[in-house]
Amino acid sequence: MQSIDPTTGDVIATYEETSDREVDEALAAAVRGQAEWARAGFEQRAEPLRRVAGLLREEAGALAELMAREMGKPVSQGRGEAEKCAWVCEYYAEEAAGFLADEEVATDAGRSYVSFRPLGAVLAVMPWNFPLWQVFRFAAPALMAGNAGLLKHAGNVCGCALAIEDLFRRAGLPDGLFSTLLVGSERVAGILEDERIAAVTLTGSKPAGSAVASKAGELIKKSVLELGGSDPYVVLADADLEKTVEACVTARLINSGQSCIAAKRFLVVEEVLEAFCRGHAGQDDGQPA
């Protein structure tokens, strides 16, 4: 597996794919670690997440550089992504106990309540466009809920995937509780079939989501999907075109244009179309913005 600089096409690094034996060892370690982790209290689970947040802030510059090299996002936006990951770790460290508290239910029984229990080992299939955020937004709540995480990241951000695992290790997360698997998409179904995987989450395309959801349904395993869309950006005649053009450019090009919620279709009414394409109503140099 290779990480390739999107600005030059040069190979940054080459990684050995995780072998079947190593996947089996990671699954076994996840099961062992999760059994103990599930018995831990919320405050005990919160401690390593708070330490991860500190590491993310301390190393935001280096992580931003790594993201820029592997997927091309501006370094300034990479720093913001690292900070957002720190925030989500702290958020769930503080709020998980409340979110997962028993919920009393009124019935004619002596006591009825809904209780939330860990699932086990969760497989995460993540995309490359936000190589840290997409992982941490799954990992922080999943870990605080008492689960283990196994990350199958996109093949072009292996460095980021391994860096995330290293952050959790250095923060003191129990051995095996979070592991990165450097595997291709063709191996996801086989890993999901393993009885030690309790659930799966995926962020990605509709075809990828369909394949994972179909396999999870076949196996009667829980799945959570976040798939891309293509909602239109509608520009009407009464729009402030200077502000609109600026917003449209940002909406299309933020994160180097790699965002599932990036603007993809612009529907502009005919009477302002020419001005919109020039950039703003007062510009008349004949050149597109």
Protein backbone atom coordinates (compact mmCIF):
# COMPACT_ATOMS: atom_id res chain seq x y z
CA MET A 1 0.00 0.00 0.00
CA GLN A 2 1.30 3.46 -0.90
CA SER A 3 0.82 7.05 0.18
CA ILE A 4 1.18 9.37 -2.81
CA ASP A 5 1.67 13.14 -2.68
CA PRO A 6 -1.36 14.48 -4.62
CA THR A 7 0.55 17.63 -5.64
CA THR A 8 3.43 15.80 -7.31
CA GLY A 9 2.37 12.19 -7.75
CA ASP A 10 5.48 11.09 -5.88
CA VAL A 11 5.32 8.08 -3.57
CA ILE A 12 5.72 9.29 0.02
CA ALA A 13 5.85 5.91 1.69
CA THR A 14 5.13 2.24 1.06
CA TYR A 15 3.47 0.04 3.68
CA GLU A 16 3.17 -3.70 4.06
CA GLU A 17 -0.44 -4.84 4.10
CA THR A 18 -1.65 -6.39 7.35
CA SER A 19 -1.50 -10.17 6.96
CA ASP A 20 -4.34 -12.55 7.78
CA ARG A 21 -2.39 -13.69 10.82
CA GLU A 22 -1.94 -10.12 12.01
CA VAL A 23 -5.64 -9.40 11.51
CA ASP A 24 -6.47 -12.47 13.59
CA GLU A 25 -4.11 -11.29 16.33
CA ALA A 26 -5.63 -7.82 16.29
CA LEU A 27 -9.14 -9.25 16.62
CA ALA A 28 -8.06 -11.48 19.50
CA ALA A 29 -6.42 -8.53 21.26
CA ALA A 30 -9.53 -6.39 20.71
CA VAL A 31 -11.74 -9.02 22.32
CA ARG A 32 -9.42 -9.32 25.32
CA GLY A 33 -9.06 -5.59 25.76
CA GLN A 34 -12.74 -4.87 25.28
CA ALA A 35 -13.83 -7.40 27.91
CA GLU A 36 -11.87 -5.51 30.56
CA TRP A 37 -12.68 -2.08 29.14
CA ALA A 38 -16.42 -2.79 29.29
CA ARG A 39 -16.14 -3.22 33.06
CA ALA A 40 -14.35 0.12 33.51
CA GLY A 41 -16.25 3.14 34.76
CA PHE A 42 -16.83 6.19 32.58
CA GLU A 43 -14.18 8.23 34.36
CA GLN A 44 -11.60 5.51 33.81
CA ARG A 45 -12.49 5.42 30.10
CA ALA A 46 -12.35 9.20 29.90
CA GLU A 47 -8.76 9.52 31.12
CA PRO A 48 -6.99 8.26 27.96
CA LEU A 49 -9.36 10.23 25.75
CA ARG A 50 -8.43 13.42 27.55
CA ARG A 51 -4.77 12.56 27.11
CA VAL A 52 -5.35 11.95 23.40
CA ALA A 53 -6.93 15.41 23.18
CA GLY A 54 -3.79 16.90 24.70
CA LEU A 55 -1.54 15.05 22.27
CA LEU A 56 -3.67 16.17 19.32
CA ARG A 57 -3.23 19.80 20.33
CA GLU A 58 0.48 19.46 21.06
CA GLU A 59 1.16 17.74 17.74
CA ALA A 60 -1.39 19.55 15.57
CA GLY A 61 1.33 21.02 13.35
CA ALA A 62 2.97 17.69 12.55
CA LEU A 63 -0.40 15.99 12.03
CA ALA A 64 -1.50 18.81 9.71
CA GLU A 65 1.67 18.39 7.67
CA LEU A 66 1.04 14.66 7.42
CA MET A 67 -2.53 15.22 6.24
CA ALA A 68 -1.34 17.78 3.69
CA ARG A 69 1.22 15.34 2.27
CA GLU A 70 -1.13 12.39 2.07
CA MET A 71 -4.41 13.96 0.92
CA GLY A 72 -3.63 17.56 -0.01
CA LYS A 73 -5.62 19.63 2.48
CA PRO A 74 -4.15 23.04 3.43
CA VAL A 75 -2.05 22.87 6.59
CA SER A 76 -4.20 25.52 8.26
CA GLN A 77 -7.28 23.34 7.76
CA GLY A 78 -5.38 20.31 9.02
CA ARG A 79 -4.61 22.14 12.25
CA GLY A 80 -8.30 22.88 12.59
CA GLU A 81 -9.11 19.22 12.01
CA ALA A 82 -6.72 18.14 14.76
CA GLU A 83 -8.33 20.63 17.14
CA LYS A 84 -11.79 19.36 16.24
CA CYS A 85 -10.64 15.81 17.02
CA ALA A 86 -9.36 16.98 20.41
CA TRP A 87 -12.72 18.62 21.06
CA VAL A 88 -14.70 15.46 20.22
CA CYS A 89 -12.55 13.38 22.57
CA GLU A 90 -13.15 15.82 25.40
CA TYR A 91 -16.84 16.14 24.57
CA TYR A 92 -17.56 12.43 24.88
CA ALA A 93 -15.23 12.09 27.86
CA GLU A 94 -17.50 14.59 29.63
CA GLU A 95 -20.91 13.64 28.25
CA ALA A 96 -20.86 9.86 27.74
CA ALA A 97 -22.00 9.03 31.28
CA GLY A 98 -25.09 11.18 30.82
CA PHE A 99 -25.82 9.93 27.32
CA LEU A 100 -25.58 6.28 28.40
CA ALA A 101 -27.29 6.49 31.79
CA ASP A 102 -30.17 4.10 32.38
CA GLU A 103 -33.51 5.51 31.20
CA GLU A 104 -36.48 4.82 33.44
CA VAL A 105 -39.65 3.68 31.68
CA ALA A 106 -43.11 3.90 33.22
CA THR A 107 -44.75 0.43 33.30
CA ASP A 108 -46.80 -1.60 35.75
CA ALA A 109 -43.67 -3.52 36.80
CA GLY A 110 -41.71 -2.77 39.94
CA ARG A 111 -39.03 -1.06 37.85
CA SER A 112 -38.55 -0.81 34.09
CA TYR A 113 -35.63 0.85 32.40
CA VAL A 114 -33.54 0.90 29.23
CA SER A 115 -29.88 0.09 29.85
CA PHE A 116 -27.09 0.68 27.33
CA ARG A 117 -24.35 -1.94 27.07
CA PRO A 118 -21.21 -2.16 24.92
CA LEU A 119 -21.45 -4.10 21.65
CA GLY A 120 -17.87 -5.36 21.47
CA ALA A 121 -15.38 -4.82 18.65
CA VAL A 122 -16.49 -2.28 16.01
CA LEU A 123 -14.98 -2.27 12.52
CA ALA A 124 -14.65 1.23 11.03
CA VAL A 125 -14.24 1.71 7.26
CA MET A 126 -13.17 5.32 6.84
CA PRO A 127 -12.46 7.70 3.91
CA TRP A 128 -9.40 9.80 3.17
CA ASN A 129 -10.86 13.30 2.88
CA PHE A 130 -10.81 14.02 6.64
CA PRO A 131 -8.28 11.39 7.68
CA LEU A 132 -8.33 12.24 11.38
CA TRP A 133 -11.82 13.61 11.97
CA GLN A 134 -13.74 10.78 10.34
CA VAL A 135 -11.94 8.33 12.62
CA PHE A 136 -12.17 10.27 15.87
CA ARG A 137 -15.85 11.05 15.49
CA PHE A 138 -16.46 7.29 15.52
CA ALA A 139 -13.73 6.30 17.96
CA ALA A 140 -14.45 8.74 20.78
CA PRO A 141 -18.11 7.74 21.37
CA ALA A 142 -17.47 4.06 20.61
CA LEU A 143 -14.64 3.83 23.12
CA MET A 144 -16.51 5.77 25.78
CA ALA A 145 -19.41 3.34 25.32
CA GLY A 146 -17.07 0.48 26.23
CA ASN A 147 -16.30 -0.86 22.76
CA ALA A 148 -13.08 -1.67 20.93
CA GLY A 149 -12.26 -0.18 17.53
CA LEU A 150 -10.55 -1.65 14.47
CA LEU A 151 -9.79 0.87 11.74
CA LYS A 152 -9.70 0.05 8.04
CA HIS A 153 -8.69 3.43 6.65
CA ALA A 154 -8.40 4.50 3.02
CA GLY A 155 -5.28 3.09 1.38
CA ASN A 156 -3.76 6.48 0.54
CA VAL A 157 -3.65 7.72 4.15
CA CYS A 158 -1.83 4.86 5.84
CA GLY A 159 0.45 7.31 7.63
CA CYS A 160 -2.53 9.03 9.23
CA ALA A 161 -4.09 5.69 10.14
CA LEU A 162 -0.96 4.55 11.94
CA ALA A 163 -0.53 7.95 13.60
CA ILE A 164 -4.03 7.66 15.10
CA GLU A 165 -3.25 4.22 16.52
CA ASP A 166 -0.02 5.61 17.94
CA LEU A 167 -1.84 8.52 19.60
CA PHE A 168 -4.17 6.13 21.41
CA ARG A 169 -1.27 3.90 22.43
CA ARG A 170 0.73 6.79 23.88
CA ALA A 171 -2.36 8.10 25.67
CA GLY A 172 -2.54 4.84 27.61
CA LEU A 173 -5.47 3.10 25.97
CA PRO A 174 -5.35 -0.61 26.91
CA ASP A 175 -3.52 -2.91 24.49
CA GLY A 176 -5.61 -4.05 21.54
CA LEU A 177 -8.49 -1.68 22.22
CA PHE A 178 -7.82 0.36 19.09
CA SER A 179 -5.94 -1.09 16.12
CA THR A 180 -5.27 -0.05 12.54
CA LEU A 181 -5.58 -2.72 9.86
CA LEU A 182 -3.78 -1.87 6.61
CA VAL A 183 -6.05 -3.84 4.30
CA GLY A 184 -7.74 -3.22 0.98
CA SER A 185 -11.48 -2.88 0.46
CA GLU A 186 -11.70 -6.42 -0.93
CA ARG A 187 -10.91 -7.80 2.53
CA VAL A 188 -13.60 -5.91 4.44
CA ALA A 189 -16.32 -8.52 3.92
CA GLY A 190 -14.11 -11.31 5.24
CA ILE A 191 -13.20 -9.34 8.36
CA LEU A 192 -16.83 -8.43 8.94
CA GLU A 193 -17.74 -12.12 8.74
CA ASP A 194 -15.53 -12.85 11.74
CA GLU A 195 -17.74 -13.53 14.76
CA ARG A 196 -15.51 -11.30 16.90
CA ILE A 197 -16.69 -8.23 14.99
CA ALA A 198 -19.94 -7.03 16.57
CA ALA A 199 -20.75 -4.03 14.38
CA VAL A 200 -19.48 -1.92 11.50
CA THR A 201 -19.51 1.75 10.58
CA LEU A 202 -18.64 3.25 7.21
CA THR A 203 -18.27 6.70 5.75
CA GLY A 204 -17.93 6.66 1.99
CA SER A 205 -19.69 6.18 -1.31
CA LYS A 206 -23.10 4.70 -1.99
CA PRO A 207 -21.63 1.53 -3.60
CA ALA A 208 -19.32 1.00 -0.62
CA GLY A 209 -22.17 1.60 1.80
CA SER A 210 -24.42 -0.79 -0.09
CA ALA A 211 -21.79 -3.54 0.00
CA VAL A 212 -21.08 -3.14 3.72
CA ALA A 213 -24.74 -2.78 4.71
CA SER A 214 -25.67 -5.86 2.66
CA LYS A 215 -22.99 -7.96 4.35
CA ALA A 216 -23.93 -6.62 7.80
CA GLY A 217 -27.58 -7.39 7.14
CA GLU A 218 -26.72 -10.90 5.99
CA LEU A 219 -24.79 -11.42 9.23
CA ILE A 220 -27.38 -9.65 11.42
CA LYS A 221 -24.79 -7.16 12.63
CA LYS A 222 -25.45 -3.53 13.43
CA SER A 223 -24.21 -0.94 10.93
CA VAL A 224 -24.01 2.83 10.78
CA LEU A 225 -23.42 4.50 7.40
CA GLU A 226 -22.71 8.06 6.32
CA LEU A 227 -22.79 8.34 2.54
CA GLY A 228 -22.19 11.21 0.14
CA GLY A 229 -24.87 13.31 -1.49
CA SER A 230 -25.23 15.84 -4.29
CA ASP A 231 -27.66 18.51 -3.13
CA PRO A 232 -27.96 21.54 -5.44
CA TYR A 233 -26.85 25.07 -4.57
CA VAL A 234 -29.67 27.32 -5.81
CA VAL A 235 -28.97 30.95 -6.73
CA LEU A 236 -32.05 33.14 -7.19
CA ALA A 237 -32.38 36.56 -8.82
CA ASP A 238 -32.43 38.51 -5.54
CA ALA A 239 -29.18 37.01 -4.23
CA ASP A 240 -26.31 39.27 -3.15
CA LEU A 241 -23.97 37.98 -5.85
CA GLU A 242 -20.70 39.09 -4.28
CA LYS A 243 -21.48 37.15 -1.11
CA THR A 244 -23.02 34.31 -3.09
CA VAL A 245 -19.99 33.78 -5.33
CA GLU A 246 -17.67 33.82 -2.34
CA ALA A 247 -19.87 31.28 -0.54
CA CYS A 248 -20.09 29.08 -3.64
CA VAL A 249 -16.33 29.02 -4.17
CA THR A 250 -15.76 28.15 -0.52
CA ALA A 251 -18.48 25.49 -0.62
CA ARG A 252 -16.87 23.82 -3.63
CA LEU A 253 -13.19 24.15 -2.72
CA ILE A 254 -13.01 23.80 1.07
CA ASN A 255 -10.76 20.93 2.14
CA SER A 256 -9.25 21.00 -1.37
CA GLY A 257 -12.70 20.21 -2.75
CA GLN A 258 -12.82 16.85 -0.97
CA SER A 259 -15.90 16.97 1.22
CA CYS A 260 -19.09 14.93 1.14
CA ILE A 261 -21.07 18.11 1.77
CA ALA A 262 -19.16 20.21 -0.77
CA ALA A 263 -21.34 22.04 -3.29
CA LYS A 264 -21.51 19.93 -6.44
CA ARG A 265 -24.32 21.43 -8.53
CA PHE A 266 -25.05 25.12 -8.97
CA LEU A 267 -28.53 25.99 -10.26
CA VAL A 268 -28.58 29.67 -11.21
CA VAL A 269 -31.60 31.53 -12.60
CA GLU A 270 -30.94 32.84 -16.11
CA GLU A 271 -31.21 36.55 -15.35
CA VAL A 272 -28.17 36.48 -13.03
CA LEU A 273 -26.26 33.61 -14.65
CA GLU A 274 -23.83 35.78 -16.62
CA ALA A 275 -23.04 37.98 -13.62
CA PHE A 276 -22.64 34.92 -11.40
CA CYS A 277 -20.15 33.37 -13.84
CA ARG A 278 -18.16 36.64 -14.03
CA GLY A 279 -17.86 36.67 -10.27
CA HIS A 280 -20.12 39.55 -9.20
CA ALA A 281 -22.65 41.95 -10.65
CA GLY A 282 -20.24 44.87 -11.09
CA GLN A 283 -17.44 42.95 -12.81
CA ASP A 284 -17.46 43.26 -16.59
CA ASP A 285 -14.09 42.13 -17.87
CA GLY A 286 -15.47 39.10 -19.66
CA GLN A 287 -13.38 36.71 -17.60
CA PRO A 288 -14.94 33.96 -15.46
CA ALA A 289 -14.36 34.26 -11.74
